[in-house]
Amino acid sequence: MKAIKVILNQGQLKHITKQVRDEGGADYRFDVNLLEGKLSENKWAEMLETIEFKKDYKAWDTGNIAVEYSNNGKPSGISVTEAKYIAYVLVDEKQNENVAIFIKTEVFKKMCRKYLRHPQRDIKGGDNFSSSLILLPVKELLNPKFIFESEDDKKEWEYKCRDCGYVYISQSKTLFKICPDCIKVDKKIKLEIL
C-alpha cells in the first residue's frame, strides 16, 4: 500500500484529539497521548513568548495579590500590558517560590474588574501611594466563573478613557459614553472598548 502524506495544522490536530477523547473517554493509546503532549508543548512555547511574570511577596500573609492598574493617574500595569498571559508567582514567608499560576490576560482583567471602586479592594499603594491597586483574593485565581467562561458567554465589556484611565463596565458592546471624570474638567473624551 502506498503511503499517504497528510498535512494538518495545530487547530485540526487539536480538534482530532478532542474528538478521540470525547468519543472514547480516556485513551490509553500512546500515539494519541504523544500527540496531545506535543500540541500542549507547542501551545506553551507560544505562550511563553507573550507572558508577563509577576511575583507577590505578601500573598502568603494577606491572601491577596496586589495588581497595579494606574500610576500617578495614568494607566499602567494590567491596564497597559500587551502580554496574552499573566503569570503570578506566589512565595511563602521564606520567599520560596511555591506556585506559578498562568492566566489569560483578558480573564485576569475580568477578575480584577470586579473589584474596581470596591472600598477595601481598590486602594492606593506603592511608592508615595501613587499607584492604584486591586487587592485580588488568591482564591479568585481559580474561580470557575472566570476560568471556564468562554468568549461566547461574555456579557460585559470594559470601556476605558484614554486620557485619565477611568474604567466603565457595560453590558452593551456599542456604548457611546463620554468619560464622567474628564467632563468634570471640561474635556469630552469618549470611552473606548478594550
N, C-alpha and C. Protein backbone atom coordinates (compact mmCIF):
# COMPACT_ATOMS: atom_id res chain seq x y z
N MET A 1 0.83 -1.17 0.00
CA MET A 1 0.00 0.00 0.00
C MET A 1 0.88 1.24 0.00
N LYS A 2 0.53 2.20 -0.80
CA LYS A 2 1.28 3.43 -0.92
C LYS A 2 1.00 4.34 0.27
N ALA A 3 2.03 4.98 0.81
CA ALA A 3 1.89 5.90 1.93
C ALA A 3 1.21 7.18 1.47
N ILE A 4 0.39 7.74 2.33
CA ILE A 4 -0.30 8.99 2.05
C ILE A 4 0.23 10.05 3.00
N LYS A 5 0.54 11.21 2.46
CA LYS A 5 1.03 12.30 3.29
C LYS A 5 -0.12 13.27 3.54
N VAL A 6 -0.42 13.49 4.81
CA VAL A 6 -1.49 14.40 5.20
C VAL A 6 -0.88 15.52 6.04
N ILE A 7 -1.16 16.75 5.67
CA ILE A 7 -0.63 17.89 6.42
C ILE A 7 -1.80 18.54 7.15
N LEU A 8 -1.66 18.60 8.48
CA LEU A 8 -2.70 19.19 9.33
C LEU A 8 -2.08 20.32 10.14
N ASN A 9 -2.86 21.36 10.37
CA ASN A 9 -2.37 22.43 11.24
C ASN A 9 -2.69 22.08 12.70
N GLN A 10 -2.20 22.91 13.63
CA GLN A 10 -2.39 22.61 15.05
C GLN A 10 -3.86 22.60 15.45
N GLY A 11 -4.63 23.49 14.89
CA GLY A 11 -6.06 23.53 15.21
C GLY A 11 -6.77 22.24 14.81
N GLN A 12 -6.41 21.73 13.63
CA GLN A 12 -7.01 20.48 13.16
C GLN A 12 -6.59 19.31 14.05
N LEU A 13 -5.30 19.28 14.43
CA LEU A 13 -4.82 18.21 15.30
C LEU A 13 -5.51 18.27 16.66
N LYS A 14 -5.68 19.46 17.18
CA LYS A 14 -6.36 19.63 18.48
C LYS A 14 -7.80 19.12 18.38
N HIS A 15 -8.47 19.45 17.28
CA HIS A 15 -9.85 19.01 17.07
C HIS A 15 -9.92 17.48 17.00
N ILE A 16 -8.96 16.87 16.33
CA ILE A 16 -8.95 15.40 16.20
C ILE A 16 -8.74 14.75 17.57
N THR A 17 -7.75 15.24 18.34
CA THR A 17 -7.51 14.63 19.65
C THR A 17 -8.68 14.84 20.60
N LYS A 18 -9.34 15.97 20.50
CA LYS A 18 -10.53 16.21 21.34
C LYS A 18 -11.64 15.24 20.95
N GLN A 19 -11.80 15.04 19.66
CA GLN A 19 -12.83 14.13 19.18
C GLN A 19 -12.56 12.70 19.67
N VAL A 20 -11.30 12.29 19.64
CA VAL A 20 -10.93 10.95 20.13
C VAL A 20 -11.27 10.84 21.61
N ARG A 21 -10.92 11.84 22.39
CA ARG A 21 -11.23 11.85 23.83
C ARG A 21 -12.73 11.84 24.08
N ASP A 22 -13.46 12.69 23.37
CA ASP A 22 -14.90 12.81 23.59
C ASP A 22 -15.65 11.53 23.23
N GLU A 23 -15.21 10.84 22.20
CA GLU A 23 -15.92 9.65 21.75
C GLU A 23 -15.54 8.39 22.51
N GLY A 24 -14.35 8.39 23.15
CA GLY A 24 -13.95 7.16 23.81
C GLY A 24 -13.49 7.33 25.23
N GLY A 25 -13.74 8.49 25.83
CA GLY A 25 -13.27 8.70 27.19
C GLY A 25 -11.76 8.78 27.21
N ALA A 26 -11.17 8.43 28.32
CA ALA A 26 -9.70 8.46 28.45
C ALA A 26 -9.10 7.44 27.49
N ASP A 27 -8.11 7.87 26.76
CA ASP A 27 -7.49 7.00 25.75
C ASP A 27 -6.13 6.56 26.23
N TYR A 28 -5.90 5.26 26.26
CA TYR A 28 -4.64 4.72 26.75
C TYR A 28 -3.59 4.59 25.65
N ARG A 29 -3.97 4.83 24.42
CA ARG A 29 -3.03 4.63 23.32
C ARG A 29 -1.94 5.69 23.35
N PHE A 30 -0.72 5.25 23.26
CA PHE A 30 0.44 6.14 23.36
C PHE A 30 0.45 7.19 22.25
N ASP A 31 0.04 6.80 21.05
CA ASP A 31 0.12 7.74 19.93
C ASP A 31 -0.77 8.96 20.13
N VAL A 32 -1.96 8.77 20.69
CA VAL A 32 -2.86 9.89 20.95
C VAL A 32 -2.30 10.74 22.09
N ASN A 33 -1.80 10.09 23.15
CA ASN A 33 -1.22 10.82 24.28
C ASN A 33 0.00 11.62 23.84
N LEU A 34 0.82 11.03 22.99
CA LEU A 34 2.00 11.73 22.49
C LEU A 34 1.59 12.95 21.68
N LEU A 35 0.60 12.79 20.82
CA LEU A 35 0.11 13.90 20.00
C LEU A 35 -0.43 15.03 20.89
N GLU A 36 -1.21 14.66 21.90
CA GLU A 36 -1.74 15.67 22.83
C GLU A 36 -0.61 16.39 23.55
N GLY A 37 0.40 15.63 23.96
CA GLY A 37 1.56 16.21 24.64
C GLY A 37 2.30 17.20 23.75
N LYS A 38 2.51 16.82 22.50
CA LYS A 38 3.20 17.70 21.55
C LYS A 38 2.40 18.98 21.30
N LEU A 39 1.08 18.85 21.18
CA LEU A 39 0.24 20.03 20.99
C LEU A 39 0.35 20.96 22.20
N SER A 40 0.36 20.37 23.40
CA SER A 40 0.49 21.18 24.62
C SER A 40 1.85 21.87 24.67
N GLU A 41 2.90 21.15 24.30
CA GLU A 41 4.24 21.75 24.29
C GLU A 41 4.29 22.93 23.34
N ASN A 42 3.70 22.78 22.17
CA ASN A 42 3.68 23.88 21.19
C ASN A 42 2.92 25.07 21.74
N LYS A 43 1.79 24.81 22.41
CA LYS A 43 0.99 25.90 22.98
C LYS A 43 1.78 26.63 24.06
N TRP A 44 2.49 25.88 24.92
CA TRP A 44 3.29 26.51 25.98
C TRP A 44 4.43 27.33 25.37
N ALA A 45 5.03 26.84 24.35
CA ALA A 45 6.11 27.59 23.70
C ALA A 45 5.57 28.91 23.14
N GLU A 46 4.39 28.84 22.57
CA GLU A 46 3.73 30.03 22.04
C GLU A 46 3.40 31.01 23.18
N MET A 47 2.88 30.48 24.28
CA MET A 47 2.50 31.31 25.43
C MET A 47 3.71 32.00 26.04
N LEU A 48 4.82 31.31 26.14
CA LEU A 48 5.99 31.87 26.80
C LEU A 48 6.51 33.12 26.10
N GLU A 49 6.17 33.28 24.83
CA GLU A 49 6.58 34.49 24.11
C GLU A 49 5.75 35.70 24.52
N THR A 50 4.58 35.45 25.12
CA THR A 50 3.67 36.56 25.41
C THR A 50 3.19 36.54 26.87
N ILE A 51 4.06 36.18 27.79
CA ILE A 51 3.69 36.13 29.22
C ILE A 51 4.38 37.26 29.97
N GLU A 52 3.61 37.89 30.85
CA GLU A 52 4.18 38.86 31.76
C GLU A 52 4.21 38.20 33.14
N PHE A 53 5.40 38.08 33.71
CA PHE A 53 5.56 37.44 35.02
C PHE A 53 5.48 38.48 36.12
N LYS A 54 4.76 38.15 37.17
CA LYS A 54 4.63 39.00 38.35
C LYS A 54 4.91 38.11 39.57
N LYS A 55 5.40 38.73 40.62
CA LYS A 55 5.65 37.98 41.85
C LYS A 55 5.04 38.76 43.00
N ASP A 56 4.33 38.07 43.87
CA ASP A 56 3.75 38.71 45.04
C ASP A 56 4.41 38.13 46.28
N TYR A 57 4.98 39.00 47.09
CA TYR A 57 5.75 38.57 48.26
C TYR A 57 4.91 38.51 49.54
N LYS A 58 3.69 39.03 49.51
CA LYS A 58 2.89 39.07 50.74
C LYS A 58 1.61 38.25 50.65
N ALA A 59 1.33 37.64 49.53
CA ALA A 59 0.09 36.89 49.38
C ALA A 59 -0.04 35.79 50.43
N TRP A 60 1.08 35.20 50.83
CA TRP A 60 1.04 34.14 51.85
C TRP A 60 0.45 34.66 53.15
N ASP A 61 0.61 35.95 53.42
CA ASP A 61 0.15 36.56 54.67
C ASP A 61 -1.23 37.21 54.50
N THR A 62 -1.42 37.91 53.38
CA THR A 62 -2.65 38.68 53.19
C THR A 62 -3.78 37.90 52.51
N GLY A 63 -3.42 36.87 51.75
CA GLY A 63 -4.43 36.14 50.98
C GLY A 63 -4.81 36.87 49.70
N ASN A 64 -4.09 37.96 49.38
CA ASN A 64 -4.38 38.77 48.19
C ASN A 64 -3.11 38.97 47.37
N ILE A 65 -3.29 39.23 46.08
CA ILE A 65 -2.19 39.73 45.27
C ILE A 65 -2.53 41.17 44.91
N ALA A 66 -1.53 42.02 44.88
CA ALA A 66 -1.72 43.42 44.55
C ALA A 66 -1.49 43.61 43.05
N VAL A 67 -2.50 44.11 42.36
CA VAL A 67 -2.44 44.26 40.90
C VAL A 67 -2.53 45.74 40.56
N GLU A 68 -1.43 46.31 40.04
CA GLU A 68 -1.41 47.73 39.67
C GLU A 68 -2.15 47.94 38.35
N TYR A 69 -2.99 48.99 38.33
CA TYR A 69 -3.65 49.35 37.08
C TYR A 69 -3.46 50.82 36.71
N SER A 70 -2.89 51.61 37.64
CA SER A 70 -2.67 53.03 37.35
C SER A 70 -1.53 53.53 38.23
N ASN A 71 -0.76 54.50 37.70
CA ASN A 71 0.31 55.11 38.47
C ASN A 71 0.31 56.60 38.16
N ASN A 72 0.26 57.41 39.20
CA ASN A 72 0.17 58.86 39.04
C ASN A 72 -0.97 59.27 38.11
N GLY A 73 -2.08 58.55 38.20
CA GLY A 73 -3.26 58.88 37.40
C GLY A 73 -3.22 58.42 35.96
N LYS A 74 -2.15 57.76 35.56
CA LYS A 74 -2.04 57.27 34.18
C LYS A 74 -2.13 55.74 34.17
N PRO A 75 -2.76 55.15 33.14
CA PRO A 75 -2.85 53.70 33.07
C PRO A 75 -1.47 53.05 33.13
N SER A 76 -1.37 51.96 33.86
CA SER A 76 -0.11 51.23 33.98
C SER A 76 -0.44 49.77 34.32
N GLY A 77 0.59 48.96 34.48
CA GLY A 77 0.41 47.57 34.90
C GLY A 77 -0.54 46.80 34.02
N ILE A 78 -1.55 46.20 34.64
CA ILE A 78 -2.50 45.34 33.92
C ILE A 78 -3.27 46.13 32.86
N SER A 79 -3.43 47.43 33.04
CA SER A 79 -4.18 48.24 32.07
C SER A 79 -3.46 48.40 30.74
N VAL A 80 -2.14 48.31 30.76
CA VAL A 80 -1.39 48.60 29.53
C VAL A 80 -0.60 47.40 29.00
N THR A 81 -0.63 46.28 29.71
CA THR A 81 0.16 45.14 29.25
C THR A 81 -0.29 44.67 27.88
N GLU A 82 0.65 44.23 27.08
CA GLU A 82 0.33 43.66 25.77
C GLU A 82 0.49 42.15 25.78
N ALA A 83 0.83 41.59 26.94
CA ALA A 83 1.00 40.14 27.06
C ALA A 83 -0.34 39.44 26.94
N LYS A 84 -0.34 38.27 26.34
CA LYS A 84 -1.57 37.48 26.22
C LYS A 84 -1.87 36.73 27.51
N TYR A 85 -0.82 36.47 28.30
CA TYR A 85 -0.99 35.75 29.56
C TYR A 85 -0.26 36.48 30.67
N ILE A 86 -0.78 36.34 31.89
CA ILE A 86 -0.14 36.84 33.10
C ILE A 86 0.22 35.62 33.93
N ALA A 87 1.42 35.61 34.47
CA ALA A 87 1.84 34.52 35.36
C ALA A 87 2.15 35.13 36.72
N TYR A 88 1.47 34.66 37.75
CA TYR A 88 1.75 35.13 39.10
C TYR A 88 2.51 34.04 39.84
N VAL A 89 3.68 34.41 40.35
CA VAL A 89 4.48 33.51 41.15
C VAL A 89 4.21 33.89 42.61
N LEU A 90 3.79 32.90 43.40
CA LEU A 90 3.48 33.14 44.80
C LEU A 90 4.53 32.47 45.66
N VAL A 91 4.98 33.19 46.68
CA VAL A 91 6.04 32.69 47.55
C VAL A 91 5.52 32.54 48.97
N ASP A 92 6.22 31.73 49.76
CA ASP A 92 5.85 31.59 51.16
C ASP A 92 6.62 32.62 52.00
N GLU A 93 6.49 32.55 53.32
CA GLU A 93 7.11 33.58 54.16
C GLU A 93 8.63 33.55 54.11
N LYS A 94 9.23 32.43 53.64
CA LYS A 94 10.68 32.36 53.49
C LYS A 94 11.10 32.71 52.06
N GLN A 95 10.16 33.19 51.29
CA GLN A 95 10.37 33.61 49.90
C GLN A 95 10.66 32.45 48.95
N ASN A 96 10.25 31.24 49.33
CA ASN A 96 10.34 30.09 48.43
C ASN A 96 9.25 30.22 47.38
N GLU A 97 9.61 30.06 46.13
CA GLU A 97 8.63 30.12 45.04
C GLU A 97 7.90 28.79 44.99
N ASN A 98 6.66 28.78 45.45
CA ASN A 98 5.92 27.53 45.59
C ASN A 98 4.94 27.25 44.46
N VAL A 99 4.46 28.29 43.81
CA VAL A 99 3.46 28.07 42.78
C VAL A 99 3.51 29.20 41.76
N ALA A 100 3.20 28.84 40.53
CA ALA A 100 3.03 29.84 39.46
C ALA A 100 1.69 29.56 38.81
N ILE A 101 0.91 30.60 38.67
CA ILE A 101 -0.41 30.46 38.07
C ILE A 101 -0.43 31.29 36.79
N PHE A 102 -0.75 30.63 35.67
CA PHE A 102 -0.81 31.28 34.37
C PHE A 102 -2.28 31.53 34.01
N ILE A 103 -2.59 32.78 33.66
CA ILE A 103 -3.97 33.14 33.35
C ILE A 103 -3.99 34.02 32.10
N LYS A 104 -4.92 33.76 31.23
CA LYS A 104 -5.09 34.60 30.05
C LYS A 104 -5.36 36.03 30.53
N THR A 105 -4.70 37.00 29.94
CA THR A 105 -4.78 38.39 30.39
C THR A 105 -6.22 38.88 30.44
N GLU A 106 -7.01 38.57 29.44
CA GLU A 106 -8.40 39.04 29.42
C GLU A 106 -9.20 38.46 30.58
N VAL A 107 -8.93 37.20 30.92
CA VAL A 107 -9.61 36.57 32.06
C VAL A 107 -9.16 37.25 33.36
N PHE A 108 -7.86 37.52 33.46
CA PHE A 108 -7.31 38.17 34.65
C PHE A 108 -7.90 39.57 34.84
N LYS A 109 -8.01 40.32 33.74
CA LYS A 109 -8.59 41.66 33.81
C LYS A 109 -10.03 41.60 34.32
N LYS A 110 -10.76 40.61 33.86
CA LYS A 110 -12.15 40.48 34.29
C LYS A 110 -12.22 40.18 35.78
N MET A 111 -11.30 39.37 36.28
CA MET A 111 -11.25 39.08 37.72
C MET A 111 -11.02 40.37 38.50
N CYS A 112 -10.10 41.19 38.03
CA CYS A 112 -9.76 42.44 38.73
C CYS A 112 -10.88 43.46 38.63
N ARG A 113 -11.51 43.52 37.47
CA ARG A 113 -12.56 44.50 37.20
C ARG A 113 -13.68 44.44 38.23
N LYS A 114 -13.93 43.24 38.70
CA LYS A 114 -14.98 43.01 39.69
C LYS A 114 -14.78 43.87 40.94
N TYR A 115 -13.52 44.24 41.22
CA TYR A 115 -13.21 44.97 42.45
C TYR A 115 -12.92 46.46 42.24
N LEU A 116 -13.07 46.97 41.02
CA LEU A 116 -12.89 48.41 40.80
C LEU A 116 -13.88 49.19 41.66
N ARG A 117 -13.39 50.19 42.32
CA ARG A 117 -14.16 51.07 43.20
C ARG A 117 -14.68 50.37 44.46
N HIS A 118 -14.21 49.17 44.74
CA HIS A 118 -14.56 48.48 45.99
C HIS A 118 -13.77 49.14 47.12
N PRO A 119 -14.42 49.57 48.18
CA PRO A 119 -13.73 50.37 49.21
C PRO A 119 -12.54 49.68 49.88
N GLN A 120 -12.55 48.36 50.02
CA GLN A 120 -11.41 47.69 50.66
C GLN A 120 -10.45 47.05 49.65
N ARG A 121 -10.83 46.96 48.39
CA ARG A 121 -10.01 46.23 47.42
C ARG A 121 -9.41 47.11 46.33
N ASP A 122 -9.92 48.30 46.12
CA ASP A 122 -9.37 49.24 45.16
C ASP A 122 -8.66 50.31 46.00
N ILE A 123 -7.34 50.19 46.12
CA ILE A 123 -6.60 51.00 47.09
C ILE A 123 -5.44 51.75 46.44
N LYS A 124 -4.83 52.61 47.19
CA LYS A 124 -3.60 53.29 46.79
C LYS A 124 -2.44 52.58 47.48
N GLY A 125 -1.28 52.49 46.79
CA GLY A 125 -0.11 51.85 47.37
C GLY A 125 1.13 52.18 46.56
N GLY A 126 2.18 51.43 46.82
CA GLY A 126 3.43 51.66 46.11
C GLY A 126 4.17 52.87 46.65
N ASP A 127 5.20 53.30 45.94
CA ASP A 127 5.99 54.46 46.35
C ASP A 127 5.10 55.70 46.42
N ASN A 128 5.14 56.38 47.54
CA ASN A 128 4.35 57.60 47.78
C ASN A 128 2.85 57.40 47.54
N PHE A 129 2.40 56.16 47.63
CA PHE A 129 0.99 55.83 47.41
C PHE A 129 0.49 56.39 46.07
N SER A 130 1.34 56.31 45.05
CA SER A 130 0.99 56.87 43.74
C SER A 130 0.36 55.84 42.80
N SER A 131 0.32 54.58 43.23
CA SER A 131 -0.26 53.53 42.38
C SER A 131 -1.67 53.18 42.83
N SER A 132 -2.53 52.93 41.85
CA SER A 132 -3.86 52.40 42.14
C SER A 132 -3.77 50.89 41.97
N LEU A 133 -4.24 50.17 42.99
CA LEU A 133 -4.08 48.72 43.03
C LEU A 133 -5.41 48.04 43.33
N ILE A 134 -5.56 46.87 42.76
CA ILE A 134 -6.66 45.98 43.14
C ILE A 134 -6.06 44.90 44.02
N LEU A 135 -6.65 44.69 45.19
CA LEU A 135 -6.25 43.57 46.04
C LEU A 135 -7.13 42.39 45.65
N LEU A 136 -6.58 41.53 44.81
CA LEU A 136 -7.32 40.39 44.27
C LEU A 136 -7.11 39.18 45.17
N PRO A 137 -8.18 38.61 45.73
CA PRO A 137 -8.02 37.42 46.56
C PRO A 137 -7.39 36.28 45.76
N VAL A 138 -6.42 35.61 46.37
CA VAL A 138 -5.74 34.49 45.70
C VAL A 138 -6.75 33.46 45.23
N LYS A 139 -7.79 33.23 46.02
CA LYS A 139 -8.78 32.21 45.65
C LYS A 139 -9.50 32.55 44.33
N GLU A 140 -9.53 33.83 43.96
CA GLU A 140 -10.16 34.23 42.70
C GLU A 140 -9.39 33.70 41.49
N LEU A 141 -8.10 33.42 41.67
CA LEU A 141 -7.27 32.94 40.56
C LEU A 141 -7.77 31.60 40.02
N LEU A 142 -8.55 30.89 40.81
CA LEU A 142 -9.11 29.61 40.36
C LEU A 142 -10.63 29.62 40.38
N ASN A 143 -11.23 30.78 40.27
CA ASN A 143 -12.68 30.91 40.29
C ASN A 143 -13.26 30.38 38.97
N PRO A 144 -14.04 29.28 39.03
CA PRO A 144 -14.59 28.67 37.80
C PRO A 144 -15.42 29.65 36.97
N LYS A 145 -16.06 30.61 37.63
CA LYS A 145 -16.88 31.58 36.90
C LYS A 145 -16.06 32.29 35.82
N PHE A 146 -14.79 32.56 36.13
CA PHE A 146 -13.94 33.27 35.19
C PHE A 146 -13.16 32.34 34.28
N ILE A 147 -12.60 31.27 34.83
CA ILE A 147 -11.67 30.47 34.04
C ILE A 147 -12.34 29.51 33.06
N PHE A 148 -13.62 29.20 33.27
CA PHE A 148 -14.27 28.29 32.34
C PHE A 148 -15.30 28.97 31.46
N GLU A 149 -15.43 30.28 31.58
CA GLU A 149 -16.37 31.02 30.75
C GLU A 149 -15.73 31.27 29.40
N SER A 150 -16.44 30.97 28.34
CA SER A 150 -15.88 31.19 27.01
C SER A 150 -16.17 32.61 26.56
N GLU A 151 -15.47 33.05 25.52
CA GLU A 151 -15.69 34.38 24.96
C GLU A 151 -17.13 34.52 24.47
N ASP A 152 -17.74 33.39 24.04
CA ASP A 152 -19.12 33.44 23.58
C ASP A 152 -20.08 33.78 24.71
N ASP A 153 -19.67 33.47 25.96
CA ASP A 153 -20.52 33.73 27.12
C ASP A 153 -20.38 35.16 27.61
N LYS A 154 -19.46 35.91 27.05
CA LYS A 154 -19.15 37.25 27.55
C LYS A 154 -20.37 38.16 27.40
N LYS A 155 -20.75 38.75 28.53
CA LYS A 155 -21.91 39.63 28.52
C LYS A 155 -21.56 41.01 29.03
N GLU A 156 -20.28 41.25 29.31
CA GLU A 156 -19.84 42.56 29.77
C GLU A 156 -18.62 42.98 28.95
N TRP A 157 -18.50 44.27 28.74
CA TRP A 157 -17.35 44.80 28.04
C TRP A 157 -16.75 45.92 28.87
N GLU A 158 -15.43 46.03 28.81
CA GLU A 158 -14.73 47.06 29.57
C GLU A 158 -14.43 48.23 28.64
N TYR A 159 -14.82 49.40 29.09
CA TYR A 159 -14.53 50.64 28.37
C TYR A 159 -13.57 51.45 29.22
N LYS A 160 -12.69 52.18 28.56
CA LYS A 160 -11.69 52.94 29.29
C LYS A 160 -11.47 54.29 28.64
N CYS A 161 -11.18 55.27 29.47
CA CYS A 161 -10.85 56.60 28.98
C CYS A 161 -9.36 56.62 28.67
N ARG A 162 -8.99 56.98 27.46
CA ARG A 162 -7.58 57.01 27.08
C ARG A 162 -6.84 58.17 27.74
N ASP A 163 -7.59 59.14 28.27
CA ASP A 163 -6.96 60.31 28.88
C ASP A 163 -6.67 60.11 30.37
N CYS A 164 -7.68 59.67 31.13
CA CYS A 164 -7.50 59.59 32.59
C CYS A 164 -7.50 58.16 33.13
N GLY A 165 -7.82 57.17 32.29
CA GLY A 165 -7.81 55.79 32.75
C GLY A 165 -9.10 55.32 33.40
N TYR A 166 -10.12 56.17 33.45
CA TYR A 166 -11.42 55.78 34.01
C TYR A 166 -11.91 54.52 33.32
N VAL A 167 -12.44 53.57 34.10
CA VAL A 167 -12.92 52.31 33.55
C VAL A 167 -14.42 52.19 33.81
N TYR A 168 -15.15 51.73 32.81
CA TYR A 168 -16.59 51.55 32.93
C TYR A 168 -16.94 50.18 32.35
N ILE A 169 -17.74 49.43 33.08
CA ILE A 169 -18.19 48.11 32.62
C ILE A 169 -19.60 48.26 32.07
N SER A 170 -19.81 47.72 30.87
CA SER A 170 -21.13 47.85 30.24
C SER A 170 -21.57 46.50 29.70
N GLN A 171 -22.87 46.34 29.63
CA GLN A 171 -23.41 45.15 29.01
C GLN A 171 -23.73 45.41 27.54
N SER A 172 -23.33 46.57 27.07
CA SER A 172 -23.51 46.93 25.67
C SER A 172 -22.15 46.98 24.97
N LYS A 173 -22.09 46.33 23.83
CA LYS A 173 -20.84 46.34 23.07
C LYS A 173 -20.76 47.59 22.19
N THR A 174 -21.85 48.31 22.08
CA THR A 174 -21.87 49.53 21.26
C THR A 174 -22.26 50.71 22.15
N LEU A 175 -21.39 51.03 23.08
CA LEU A 175 -21.63 52.11 24.02
C LEU A 175 -20.98 53.40 23.51
N PHE A 176 -21.72 54.50 23.56
CA PHE A 176 -21.17 55.80 23.20
C PHE A 176 -21.32 56.67 24.44
N LYS A 177 -20.29 56.70 25.26
CA LYS A 177 -20.35 57.39 26.54
C LYS A 177 -19.12 58.27 26.69
N ILE A 178 -19.33 59.47 27.18
CA ILE A 178 -18.25 60.40 27.48
C ILE A 178 -17.76 60.10 28.89
N CYS A 179 -16.46 60.19 29.11
CA CYS A 179 -15.87 59.92 30.42
C CYS A 179 -16.43 60.90 31.45
N PRO A 180 -17.06 60.38 32.52
CA PRO A 180 -17.63 61.27 33.53
C PRO A 180 -16.57 62.03 34.33
N ASP A 181 -15.37 61.47 34.49
CA ASP A 181 -14.31 62.16 35.22
C ASP A 181 -13.75 63.32 34.40
N CYS A 182 -13.56 63.09 33.10
CA CYS A 182 -12.99 64.13 32.23
C CYS A 182 -13.98 65.28 31.99
N ILE A 183 -15.26 64.95 31.93
CA ILE A 183 -16.25 66.00 31.67
C ILE A 183 -16.28 67.01 32.82
N LYS A 184 -15.88 66.58 34.02
CA LYS A 184 -15.82 67.48 35.18
C LYS A 184 -14.76 68.57 34.99
N VAL A 185 -13.75 68.29 34.16
CA VAL A 185 -12.70 69.27 33.89
C VAL A 185 -12.79 69.79 32.45
N ASP A 186 -14.01 69.79 31.93
CA ASP A 186 -14.33 70.32 30.60
C ASP A 186 -13.61 69.61 29.45
N LYS A 187 -13.38 68.31 29.59
CA LYS A 187 -12.85 67.52 28.48
C LYS A 187 -13.95 66.55 28.05
N LYS A 188 -14.12 66.38 26.76
CA LYS A 188 -15.12 65.44 26.26
C LYS A 188 -14.38 64.29 25.57
N ILE A 189 -14.00 63.30 26.40
CA ILE A 189 -13.28 62.14 25.89
C ILE A 189 -14.23 60.95 25.85
N LYS A 190 -14.36 60.35 24.68
CA LYS A 190 -15.24 59.19 24.52
C LYS A 190 -14.55 57.94 25.08
N LEU A 191 -15.28 57.14 25.86
CA LEU A 191 -14.74 55.88 26.35
C LEU A 191 -14.55 54.92 25.19
N GLU A 192 -13.48 54.12 25.26
CA GLU A 192 -13.17 53.18 24.19
C GLU A 192 -13.18 51.77 24.75
N ILE A 193 -13.67 50.82 23.97
CA ILE A 193 -13.71 49.43 24.41
C ILE A 193 -12.31 48.84 24.38
N LEU A 194 -12.00 48.04 25.39
CA LEU A 194 -10.67 47.40 25.45
C LEU A 194 -10.68 46.11 24.69
